[in-house]
C-alpha atoms as a PDB file:
ATOM      1  CA  UNK A   1     -16.898  12.971 -25.526  1.00  0.00           C
ATOM      2  CA  UNK A   2     -17.624  11.802 -29.055  1.00  0.00           C
ATOM      3  CA  UNK A   3     -16.716   8.168 -29.980  1.00  0.00           C
ATOM      4  CA  UNK A   4     -12.901   7.917 -30.486  1.00  0.00           C
ATOM      5  CA  UNK A   5     -11.202   7.611 -33.776  1.00  0.00           C
ATOM      6  CA  UNK A   6      -9.247   4.290 -34.022  1.00  0.00           C
ATOM      7  CA  UNK A   7      -5.922   4.124 -32.509  1.00  0.00           C
ATOM      8  CA  UNK A   8      -3.263   3.428 -35.149  1.00  0.00           C
ATOM      9  CA  UNK A   9      -1.302   0.112 -34.792  1.00  0.00           C
ATOM     10  CA  UNK A  10       1.866   0.730 -32.794  1.00  0.00           C
ATOM     11  CA  UNK A  11       4.125  -0.969 -30.608  1.00  0.00           C
ATOM     12  CA  UNK A  12       6.643  -0.224 -27.961  1.00  0.00           C
ATOM     13  CA  UNK A  13       8.868  -1.849 -25.488  1.00  0.00           C
ATOM     14  CA  UNK A  14       7.609  -2.122 -21.736  1.00  0.00           C
ATOM     15  CA  UNK A  15       6.921  -0.019 -19.935  1.00  0.00           C
ATOM     16  CA  UNK A  16       6.494   2.489 -22.827  1.00  0.00           C
ATOM     17  CA  UNK A  17       6.791   6.251 -22.919  1.00  0.00           C
ATOM     18  CA  UNK A  18       4.123   8.798 -23.454  1.00  0.00           C
ATOM     19  CA  UNK A  19       5.934  10.904 -26.150  1.00  0.00           C
ATOM     20  CA  UNK A  20       6.015   8.003 -28.591  1.00  0.00           C
ATOM     21  CA  UNK A  21       2.240   7.410 -28.520  1.00  0.00           C
ATOM     22  CA  UNK A  22      -0.185   8.453 -31.285  1.00  0.00           C
ATOM     23  CA  UNK A  23      -2.427  10.053 -30.308  1.00  0.00           C
ATOM     24  CA  UNK A  24      -0.888  11.678 -27.010  1.00  0.00           C
ATOM     25  CA  UNK A  25      -3.208  10.754 -24.043  1.00  0.00           C
ATOM     26  CA  UNK A  26      -5.119  13.540 -22.418  1.00  0.00           C
ATOM     27  CA  UNK A  27      -3.866  13.848 -18.860  1.00  0.00           C
ATOM     28  CA  UNK A  28      -5.992  17.019 -18.204  1.00  0.00           C
ATOM     29  CA  UNK A  29      -3.136  19.447 -18.893  1.00  0.00           C
ATOM     30  CA  UNK A  30      -5.522  21.948 -20.609  1.00  0.00           C
ATOM     31  CA  UNK A  31      -8.837  20.985 -19.007  1.00  0.00           C
ATOM     32  CA  UNK A  32      -8.278  20.073 -15.192  1.00  0.00           C
ATOM     33  CA  UNK A  33      -9.252  23.177 -12.909  1.00  0.00           C
ATOM     34  CA  UNK A  34      -8.575  22.832  -9.138  1.00  0.00           C
ATOM     35  CA  UNK A  35     -10.663  24.240  -6.461  1.00  0.00           C
ATOM     36  CA  UNK A  36      -8.351  23.587  -3.489  1.00  0.00           C
ATOM     37  CA  UNK A  37      -9.816  20.368  -2.315  1.00  0.00           C
ATOM     38  CA  UNK A  38      -6.392  18.899  -1.324  1.00  0.00           C
ATOM     39  CA  UNK A  39      -4.661  22.024  -0.113  1.00  0.00           C
ATOM     40  CA  UNK A  40      -1.851  21.437   2.109  1.00  0.00           C
ATOM     41  CA  UNK A  41      -1.799  17.543   1.403  1.00  0.00           C
ATOM     42  CA  UNK A  42       1.230  15.407   0.658  1.00  0.00           C
ATOM     43  CA  UNK A  43       0.804  12.517  -1.842  1.00  0.00           C
ATOM     44  CA  UNK A  44       2.965   9.660  -2.989  1.00  0.00           C
ATOM     45  CA  UNK A  45       1.949   8.403  -6.365  1.00  0.00           C
ATOM     46  CA  UNK A  46       3.539   5.165  -7.725  1.00  0.00           C
ATOM     47  CA  UNK A  47       3.575   4.944 -11.431  1.00  0.00           C
ATOM     48  CA  UNK A  48       3.155   8.743 -11.380  1.00  0.00           C
ATOM     49  CA  UNK A  49       5.083   9.578 -14.298  1.00  0.00           C
ATOM     50  CA  UNK A  50       2.509   8.770 -17.205  1.00  0.00           C
ATOM     51  CA  UNK A  51      -1.219   7.620 -17.765  1.00  0.00           C
ATOM     52  CA  UNK A  52      -3.353   7.560 -14.850  1.00  0.00           C
ATOM     53  CA  UNK A  53      -0.464   8.339 -12.588  1.00  0.00           C
ATOM     54  CA  UNK A  54       0.409  11.610 -14.432  1.00  0.00           C
ATOM     55  CA  UNK A  55      -3.215  12.685 -14.650  1.00  0.00           C
ATOM     56  CA  UNK A  56      -3.605  12.211 -10.832  1.00  0.00           C
ATOM     57  CA  UNK A  57      -0.313  14.066 -10.236  1.00  0.00           C
ATOM     58  CA  UNK A  58      -1.579  17.090 -12.318  1.00  0.00           C
ATOM     59  CA  UNK A  59      -5.218  16.960 -10.540  1.00  0.00           C
ATOM     60  CA  UNK A  60      -3.683  16.804  -7.040  1.00  0.00           C
ATOM     61  CA  UNK A  61      -1.330  19.623  -7.694  1.00  0.00           C
ATOM     62  CA  UNK A  62      -4.046  21.772  -9.048  1.00  0.00           C
ATOM     63  CA  UNK A  63      -6.035  20.938  -5.892  1.00  0.00           C
ATOM     64  CA  UNK A  64      -3.280  22.126  -3.766  1.00  0.00           C
ATOM     65  CA  UNK A  65      -1.168  18.902  -3.168  1.00  0.00           C
ATOM     66  CA  UNK A  66       2.602  18.493  -3.186  1.00  0.00           C
ATOM     67  CA  UNK A  67       3.422  15.255  -5.012  1.00  0.00           C
ATOM     68  CA  UNK A  68       6.171  12.574  -4.878  1.00  0.00           C
ATOM     69  CA  UNK A  69       6.324  10.358  -7.942  1.00  0.00           C
ATOM     70  CA  UNK A  70       7.583   6.843  -8.237  1.00  0.00           C
ATOM     71  CA  UNK A  71       8.780   5.450 -11.470  1.00  0.00           C
ATOM     72  CA  UNK A  72      11.212   3.151 -13.287  1.00  0.00           C
ATOM     73  CA  UNK A  73      14.429   4.732 -14.331  1.00  0.00           C
ATOM     74  CA  UNK A  74      13.655   4.241 -17.828  1.00  0.00           C
ATOM     75  CA  UNK A  75      10.561   6.411 -17.415  1.00  0.00           C
ATOM     76  CA  UNK A  76      12.701   9.459 -16.606  1.00  0.00           C
ATOM     77  CA  UNK A  77      11.608  11.599 -19.468  1.00  0.00           C
ATOM     78  CA  UNK A  78       7.971  11.119 -18.699  1.00  0.00           C
ATOM     79  CA  UNK A  79       8.692  11.632 -14.909  1.00  0.00           C
ATOM     80  CA  UNK A  80      10.444  15.000 -15.509  1.00  0.00           C
ATOM     81  CA  UNK A  81       7.529  16.311 -17.580  1.00  0.00           C
ATOM     82  CA  UNK A  82       4.977  15.194 -14.871  1.00  0.00           C
ATOM     83  CA  UNK A  83       7.222  17.151 -12.278  1.00  0.00           C
ATOM     84  CA  UNK A  84       7.192  20.099 -14.605  1.00  0.00           C
ATOM     85  CA  UNK A  85       3.444  20.238 -14.596  1.00  0.00           C
ATOM     86  CA  UNK A  86       3.152  19.738 -11.049  1.00  0.00           C
ATOM     87  CA  UNK A  87       5.622  22.705 -10.150  1.00  0.00           C
ATOM     88  CA  UNK A  88       3.770  24.912 -13.080  1.00  0.00           C
ATOM     89  CA  UNK A  89       0.805  24.367 -10.607  1.00  0.00           C
ATOM     90  CA  UNK A  90       2.915  25.944  -7.835  1.00  0.00           C
ATOM     91  CA  UNK A  91       3.407  22.768  -5.863  1.00  0.00           C
ATOM     92  CA  UNK A  92       6.464  20.625  -4.843  1.00  0.00           C
ATOM     93  CA  UNK A  93       7.412  17.600  -6.983  1.00  0.00           C
ATOM     94  CA  UNK A  94       9.607  14.953  -5.673  1.00  0.00           C
ATOM     95  CA  UNK A  95      11.148  12.316  -8.150  1.00  0.00           C
ATOM     96  CA  UNK A  96      11.713   8.975  -6.781  1.00  0.00           C
ATOM     97  CA  UNK A  97      13.113   6.560  -9.462  1.00  0.00           C
ATOM     98  CA  UNK A  98      13.520   2.862  -8.830  1.00  0.00           C
ATOM     99  CA  UNK A  99      11.976  -0.694  -9.191  1.00  0.00           C
ATOM    100  CA  UNK A 100       9.117  -1.536  -7.027  1.00  0.00           C
ATOM    101  CA  UNK A 101       9.730  -5.273  -7.469  1.00  0.00           C
ATOM    102  CA  UNK A 102      12.779  -4.564  -5.215  1.00  0.00           C
ATOM    103  CA  UNK A 103      11.538  -4.957  -1.746  1.00  0.00           C
ATOM    104  CA  UNK A 104      14.079  -2.636  -0.113  1.00  0.00           C
ATOM    105  CA  UNK A 105      13.085   0.032  -2.303  1.00  0.00           C
ATOM    106  CA  UNK A 106       9.372  -0.572  -2.240  1.00  0.00           C
ATOM    107  CA  UNK A 107       9.478  -0.364   1.592  1.00  0.00           C
ATOM    108  CA  UNK A 108      11.657   2.724   1.619  1.00  0.00           C
ATOM    109  CA  UNK A 109       9.931   4.817  -0.904  1.00  0.00           C
ATOM    110  CA  UNK A 110       7.434   6.287   1.355  1.00  0.00           C
ATOM    111  CA  UNK A 111      10.162   7.405   3.677  1.00  0.00           C
ATOM    112  CA  UNK A 112      11.845   9.223   0.576  1.00  0.00           C
ATOM    113  CA  UNK A 113       8.459  10.843  -0.085  1.00  0.00           C
ATOM    114  CA  UNK A 114       8.026  11.938   3.574  1.00  0.00           C
ATOM    115  CA  UNK A 115      11.579  13.394   3.517  1.00  0.00           C
ATOM    116  CA  UNK A 116      11.015  15.268   0.148  1.00  0.00           C
ATOM    117  CA  UNK A 117       7.575  16.535   1.011  1.00  0.00           C
ATOM    118  CA  UNK A 118       7.733  17.009   4.876  1.00  0.00           C
ATOM    119  CA  UNK A 119       5.264  14.294   5.520  1.00  0.00           C
ATOM    120  CA  UNK A 120       2.863  12.029   3.781  1.00  0.00           C
ATOM    121  CA  UNK A 121      -0.966  12.097   3.860  1.00  0.00           C
ATOM    122  CA  UNK A 122      -2.183  10.307   0.745  1.00  0.00           C
ATOM    123  CA  UNK A 123      -0.728   7.160  -0.957  1.00  0.00           C
ATOM    124  CA  UNK A 124      -1.892   6.085  -4.418  1.00  0.00           C
ATOM    125  CA  UNK A 125      -0.790   2.539  -5.351  1.00  0.00           C
ATOM    126  CA  UNK A 126      -0.891   3.119  -9.004  1.00  0.00           C
ATOM    127  CA  UNK A 127       1.976   1.174 -10.579  1.00  0.00           C
ATOM    128  CA  UNK A 128       1.093  -1.829 -12.303  1.00  0.00           C
ATOM    129  CA  UNK A 129       2.280  -4.229 -15.024  1.00  0.00           C
ATOM    130  CA  UNK A 130       0.515  -6.503 -17.452  1.00  0.00           C
ATOM    131  CA  UNK A 131       1.276  -8.436 -20.727  1.00  0.00           C
ATOM    132  CA  UNK A 132      -1.328  -9.823 -22.940  1.00  0.00           C
ATOM    133  CA  UNK A 133      -0.817 -13.469 -24.060  1.00  0.00           C
ATOM    134  CA  UNK A 134      -2.398 -16.366 -25.871  1.00  0.00           C
ATOM    135  CA  UNK A 135      -5.773 -17.601 -24.485  1.00  0.00           C
ATOM    136  CA  UNK A 136      -4.271 -20.818 -23.390  1.00  0.00           C
ATOM    137  CA  UNK A 137      -3.076 -21.181 -19.781  1.00  0.00           C
ATOM    138  CA  UNK A 138      -0.107 -23.069 -21.362  1.00  0.00           C
ATOM    139  CA  UNK A 139       1.202 -19.579 -22.673  1.00  0.00           C
ATOM    140  CA  UNK A 140       1.943 -18.301 -19.068  1.00  0.00           C
ATOM    141  CA  UNK A 141       5.453 -17.648 -18.400  1.00  0.00           C
ATOM    142  CA  UNK A 142       6.776 -18.040 -14.941  1.00  0.00           C
ATOM    143  CA  UNK A 143       9.108 -14.892 -15.179  1.00  0.00           C
ATOM    144  CA  UNK A 144       6.436 -12.824 -16.633  1.00  0.00           C
ATOM    145  CA  UNK A 145       3.869 -14.089 -13.919  1.00  0.00           C
ATOM    146  CA  UNK A 146       6.335 -13.263 -11.306  1.00  0.00           C
ATOM    147  CA  UNK A 147       6.857  -9.715 -12.551  1.00  0.00           C
ATOM    148  CA  UNK A 148       3.146  -9.180 -12.818  1.00  0.00           C
ATOM    149  CA  UNK A 149       2.479 -10.382  -9.293  1.00  0.00           C
ATOM    150  CA  UNK A 150       5.647  -8.774  -7.593  1.00  0.00           C
ATOM    151  CA  UNK A 151       4.590  -5.435  -9.249  1.00  0.00           C
ATOM    152  CA  UNK A 152       0.808  -5.557  -8.762  1.00  0.00           C
ATOM    153  CA  UNK A 153       0.628  -7.208  -5.217  1.00  0.00           C
ATOM    154  CA  UNK A 154       3.841  -7.487  -3.489  1.00  0.00           C
ATOM    155  CA  UNK A 155       4.770  -3.973  -4.156  1.00  0.00           C
ATOM    156  CA  UNK A 156       1.503  -2.549  -3.151  1.00  0.00           C
ATOM    157  CA  UNK A 157       1.765  -4.322   0.192  1.00  0.00           C
ATOM    158  CA  UNK A 158       5.396  -3.393   0.793  1.00  0.00           C
ATOM    159  CA  UNK A 159       4.826   0.505  -0.089  1.00  0.00           C
ATOM    160  CA  UNK A 160       1.744   0.363   2.009  1.00  0.00           C
ATOM    161  CA  UNK A 161       3.487  -1.081   4.931  1.00  0.00           C
ATOM    162  CA  UNK A 162       6.234   1.762   4.592  1.00  0.00           C
ATOM    163  CA  UNK A 163       3.565   4.347   4.248  1.00  0.00           C
ATOM    164  CA  UNK A 164       1.782   3.271   7.494  1.00  0.00           C
ATOM    165  CA  UNK A 165       4.630   4.762   9.382  1.00  0.00           C
ATOM    166  CA  UNK A 166       3.772   8.176   8.050  1.00  0.00           C
ATOM    167  CA  UNK A 167       0.138   8.275   7.292  1.00  0.00           C
ATOM    168  CA  UNK A 168      -1.741  10.218  10.126  1.00  0.00           C
ATOM    169  CA  UNK A 169      -5.368   9.878  11.255  1.00  0.00           C
ATOM    170  CA  UNK A 170      -7.071  11.536   8.259  1.00  0.00           C
ATOM    171  CA  UNK A 171      -4.589   9.812   5.911  1.00  0.00           C
ATOM    172  CA  UNK A 172      -5.757   8.156   2.760  1.00  0.00           C
ATOM    173  CA  UNK A 173      -4.849   5.216   0.689  1.00  0.00           C
ATOM    174  CA  UNK A 174      -6.168   4.548  -2.907  1.00  0.00           C
ATOM    175  CA  UNK A 175      -5.423   1.535  -4.909  1.00  0.00           C
ATOM    176  CA  UNK A 176      -5.966   1.114  -8.540  1.00  0.00           C
ATOM    177  CA  UNK A 177      -7.729  -1.934  -9.640  1.00  0.00           C
ATOM    178  CA  UNK A 178      -9.123  -2.583 -13.013  1.00  0.00           C
ATOM    179  CA  UNK A 179     -12.397  -3.719 -14.781  1.00  0.00           C
ATOM    180  CA  UNK A 180     -10.383  -6.897 -15.106  1.00  0.00           C
ATOM    181  CA  UNK A 181     -11.103  -7.956 -11.562  1.00  0.00           C
ATOM    182  CA  UNK A 182     -14.685  -8.165 -12.660  1.00  0.00           C
ATOM    183  CA  UNK A 183     -14.717  -9.099 -16.448  1.00  0.00           C
ATOM    184  CA  UNK A 184     -11.404 -10.896 -16.698  1.00  0.00           C
ATOM    185  CA  UNK A 185      -9.854 -11.563 -20.154  1.00  0.00           C
ATOM    186  CA  UNK A 186      -8.191 -14.886 -21.012  1.00  0.00           C
ATOM    187  CA  UNK A 187      -5.256 -13.090 -22.209  1.00  0.00           C
ATOM    188  CA  UNK A 188      -4.760 -11.458 -18.793  1.00  0.00           C
ATOM    189  CA  UNK A 189      -5.255 -14.197 -16.547  1.00  0.00           C
ATOM    190  CA  UNK A 190      -2.435 -13.317 -14.036  1.00  0.00           C
ATOM    191  CA  UNK A 191      -3.085  -9.539 -14.283  1.00  0.00           C
ATOM    192  CA  UNK A 192      -6.683  -9.850 -13.757  1.00  0.00           C
ATOM    193  CA  UNK A 193      -6.150 -12.268 -10.853  1.00  0.00           C
ATOM    194  CA  UNK A 194      -3.937  -9.394  -9.084  1.00  0.00           C
ATOM    195  CA  UNK A 195      -6.569  -6.729  -9.732  1.00  0.00           C
ATOM    196  CA  UNK A 196      -9.207  -9.003  -7.945  1.00  0.00           C
ATOM    197  CA  UNK A 197      -6.738  -9.473  -5.141  1.00  0.00           C
ATOM    198  CA  UNK A 198      -6.287  -5.679  -4.940  1.00  0.00           C
ATOM    199  CA  UNK A 199     -10.141  -5.272  -4.315  1.00  0.00           C
ATOM    200  CA  UNK A 200      -9.850  -7.755  -1.373  1.00  0.00           C
ATOM    201  CA  UNK A 201      -6.864  -5.981  -0.005  1.00  0.00           C
ATOM    202  CA  UNK A 202      -8.775  -2.674  -0.319  1.00  0.00           C
ATOM    203  CA  UNK A 203     -11.604  -4.050   1.911  1.00  0.00           C
ATOM    204  CA  UNK A 204      -9.323  -5.600   4.448  1.00  0.00           C
ATOM    205  CA  UNK A 205      -7.183  -2.618   4.898  1.00  0.00           C
ATOM    206  CA  UNK A 206     -10.350  -0.485   5.216  1.00  0.00           C
ATOM    207  CA  UNK A 207     -11.520  -2.603   7.903  1.00  0.00           C
ATOM    208  CA  UNK A 208      -8.049  -2.742   9.746  1.00  0.00           C
ATOM    209  CA  UNK A 209      -7.218   0.805   9.339  1.00  0.00           C
ATOM    210  CA  UNK A 210     -10.475   2.422  10.173  1.00  0.00           C
ATOM    211  CA  UNK A 211      -9.880   2.691  13.614  1.00  0.00           C
ATOM    212  CA  UNK A 212      -6.734   4.545  12.959  1.00  0.00           C
ATOM    213  CA  UNK A 213      -8.625   7.376  11.076  1.00  0.00           C
ATOM    214  CA  UNK A 214      -7.191   6.100   7.772  1.00  0.00           C
ATOM    215  CA  UNK A 215      -9.531   5.584   4.784  1.00  0.00           C
ATOM    216  CA  UNK A 216      -8.708   2.931   2.127  1.00  0.00           C
ATOM    217  CA  UNK A 217     -10.482   2.791  -1.206  1.00  0.00           C
ATOM    218  CA  UNK A 218     -10.028   1.759  -4.860  1.00  0.00           C
ATOM    219  CA  UNK A 219     -10.528   3.034  -8.390  1.00  0.00           C
ATOM    220  CA  UNK A 220     -11.271   0.337 -11.034  1.00  0.00           C
ATOM    221  CA  UNK A 221     -10.534   1.848 -14.556  1.00  0.00           C
ATOM    222  CA  UNK A 222     -11.833   0.292 -17.880  1.00  0.00           C
ATOM    223  CA  UNK A 223      -9.838   0.462 -20.939  1.00  0.00           C
ATOM    224  CA  UNK A 224      -7.762   3.721 -20.634  1.00  0.00           C
ATOM    225  CA  UNK A 225      -5.336   5.027 -23.205  1.00  0.00           C
ATOM    226  CA  UNK A 226      -1.794   4.842 -21.529  1.00  0.00           C
ATOM    227  CA  UNK A 227       1.615   3.689 -22.525  1.00  0.00           C
ATOM    228  CA  UNK A 228       0.944   0.230 -21.130  1.00  0.00           C
ATOM    229  CA  UNK A 229      -1.242  -0.412 -24.125  1.00  0.00           C
ATOM    230  CA  UNK A 230       1.087  -0.262 -26.821  1.00  0.00           C
ATOM    231  CA  UNK A 231       3.927  -1.555 -24.697  1.00  0.00           C
ATOM    232  CA  UNK A 232       1.848  -4.665 -23.657  1.00  0.00           C
ATOM    233  CA  UNK A 233      -0.594  -5.328 -26.438  1.00  0.00           C
ATOM    234  CA  UNK A 234      -0.126  -6.632 -30.016  1.00  0.00           C
ATOM    235  CA  UNK A 235      -0.278  -3.650 -32.440  1.00  0.00           C
ATOM    236  CA  UNK A 236      -2.987  -4.807 -34.664  1.00  0.00           C
ATOM    237  CA  UNK A 237      -5.337  -4.973 -31.585  1.00  0.00           C
ATOM    238  CA  UNK A 238      -5.030  -1.256 -30.967  1.00  0.00           C
ATOM    239  CA  UNK A 239      -7.409   0.073 -33.496  1.00  0.00           C
ATOM    240  CA  UNK A 240     -10.322  -1.628 -31.583  1.00  0.00           C
ATOM    241  CA  UNK A 241      -8.968  -0.965 -28.020  1.00  0.00           C
ATOM    242  CA  UNK A 242     -11.964   0.231 -25.905  1.00  0.00           C
ATOM    243  CA  UNK A 243     -14.587  -0.141 -28.370  1.00  0.00           C
ATOM    244  CA  UNK A 244     -16.338  -2.996 -26.447  1.00  0.00           C
ATOM    245  CA  UNK A 245     -17.717  -0.804 -23.642  1.00  0.00           C
ATOM    246  CA  UNK A 246     -21.070   0.713 -23.632  1.00  0.00           C
ATOM    247  CA  UNK A 247     -19.688   4.363 -24.155  1.00  0.00           C
ATOM    248  CA  UNK A 248     -18.184   2.889 -27.295  1.00  0.00           C
ATOM    249  CA  UNK A 249     -14.566   4.186 -26.577  1.00  0.00           C
ATOM    250  CA  UNK A 250     -11.457   4.023 -24.429  1.00  0.00           C
ATOM    251  CA  UNK A 251     -11.131   6.427 -21.660  1.00  0.00           C
ATOM    252  CA  UNK A 252      -8.494   9.071 -21.087  1.00  0.00           C
ATOM    253  CA  UNK A 253      -6.362   9.335 -18.066  1.00  0.00           C
ATOM    254  CA  UNK A 254      -7.910  12.857 -17.502  1.00  0.00           C
ATOM    255  CA  UNK A 255     -11.252  11.006 -17.046  1.00  0.00           C
ATOM    256  CA  UNK A 256      -9.855   8.722 -14.296  1.00  0.00           C
ATOM    257  CA  UNK A 257      -8.198  11.279 -12.183  1.00  0.00           C
ATOM    258  CA  UNK A 258     -11.333  13.106 -10.648  1.00  0.00           C
ATOM    259  CA  UNK A 259     -12.328   9.904  -8.955  1.00  0.00           C
ATOM    260  CA  UNK A 260      -8.986   9.796  -7.187  1.00  0.00           C
ATOM    261  CA  UNK A 261      -9.298  13.492  -6.190  1.00  0.00           C
ATOM    262  CA  UNK A 262     -12.773  12.688  -4.810  1.00  0.00           C
ATOM    263  CA  UNK A 263     -11.515   9.665  -2.767  1.00  0.00           C
ATOM    264  CA  UNK A 264      -8.553  11.777  -1.474  1.00  0.00           C
ATOM    265  CA  UNK A 265     -10.582  14.605  -0.291  1.00  0.00           C
ATOM    266  CA  UNK A 266     -11.837  14.635   3.361  1.00  0.00           C
ATOM    267  CA  UNK A 267     -14.335  17.211   2.325  1.00  0.00           C
ATOM    268  CA  UNK A 268     -15.969  15.111  -0.284  1.00  0.00           C
ATOM    269  CA  UNK A 269     -15.319  11.447   0.770  1.00  0.00           C
ATOM    270  CA  UNK A 270     -14.933  11.601   4.619  1.00  0.00           C
ATOM    271  CA  UNK A 271     -17.162   8.737   5.133  1.00  0.00           C
ATOM    272  CA  UNK A 272     -16.189   6.735   2.131  1.00  0.00           C
ATOM    273  CA  UNK A 273     -13.952   3.626   2.820  1.00  0.00           C
ATOM    274  CA  UNK A 274     -13.722   0.244   1.687  1.00  0.00           C
ATOM    275  CA  UNK A 275     -15.150   0.754  -1.645  1.00  0.00           C
ATOM    276  CA  UNK A 276     -14.189   0.405  -5.345  1.00  0.00           C
ATOM    277  CA  UNK A 277     -15.274   3.132  -7.710  1.00  0.00           C
ATOM    278  CA  UNK A 278     -15.664   2.125 -11.355  1.00  0.00           C
ATOM    279  CA  UNK A 279     -14.569   4.409 -14.258  1.00  0.00           C
ATOM    280  CA  UNK A 280     -15.318   1.870 -16.931  1.00  0.00           C
ATOM    281  CA  UNK A 281     -17.118   3.415 -19.627  1.00  0.00           C
ATOM    282  CA  UNK A 282     -20.293   1.639 -18.545  1.00  0.00           C
ATOM    283  CA  UNK A 283     -19.007  -1.956 -17.658  1.00  0.00           C
ATOM    284  CA  UNK A 284     -20.162  -3.206 -14.433  1.00  0.00           C
ATOM    285  CA  UNK A 285     -18.054  -3.314 -11.043  1.00  0.00           C
ATOM    286  CA  UNK A 286     -20.231  -5.447  -8.864  1.00  0.00           C
END
């Protein structure tokens, strides 16, 4: 892809919606072509309504998987569009609205997904939250910190605990980390910390669950154009978003989804577990 044009300054309230973005992200709606690599699989994708989650849902469906989508109530329009695209691919879409910072909902969402899909083979822990702040540690707000940590860590662990009652031998867990785990920004100290923790959780779970035949990996995206950006960054920073990577531009959700398809596929990644796959535009993940 050519270097991006600048993103216009824009602002949304968190968590943000796809329809209000300029330009609209590319989720692979026109470009992704499946080859049956996930035929018959059943996947739960948290944060599956938009961004990387939507692109992954589209790719999974076009590879033959049925998909359950977790999302916040306010993201209903995005979730319905993602479900439409999954069904357009001839697969089942199950919509599961709710707040993953609610422990009971987070622990129960895998059961809902299994009920809706007739079982569960793949869990994608994609839901996440960030909020850019001033560079001083003094600007950290306890309520915002709690929201970041509960969304990015507690919820991931709760959802995973619930999913383990359903994932069989051959099951897959994919966590979504970030380049922030390796090159943390001062404005995202709490978010970056949770992403570093996700890398450790991934390695720990891979070691624990390997004997049960469950593979656990993570994807670490770089700057990707999703609703999270206009919803959590100052508008004047968006024209330069993503230009600080070697490839010179932000990525699109459609460029991340193939990495998740690879990790979910037994045909391609049957001996891959405990790794973090970077999709960063050239920034290092080591």
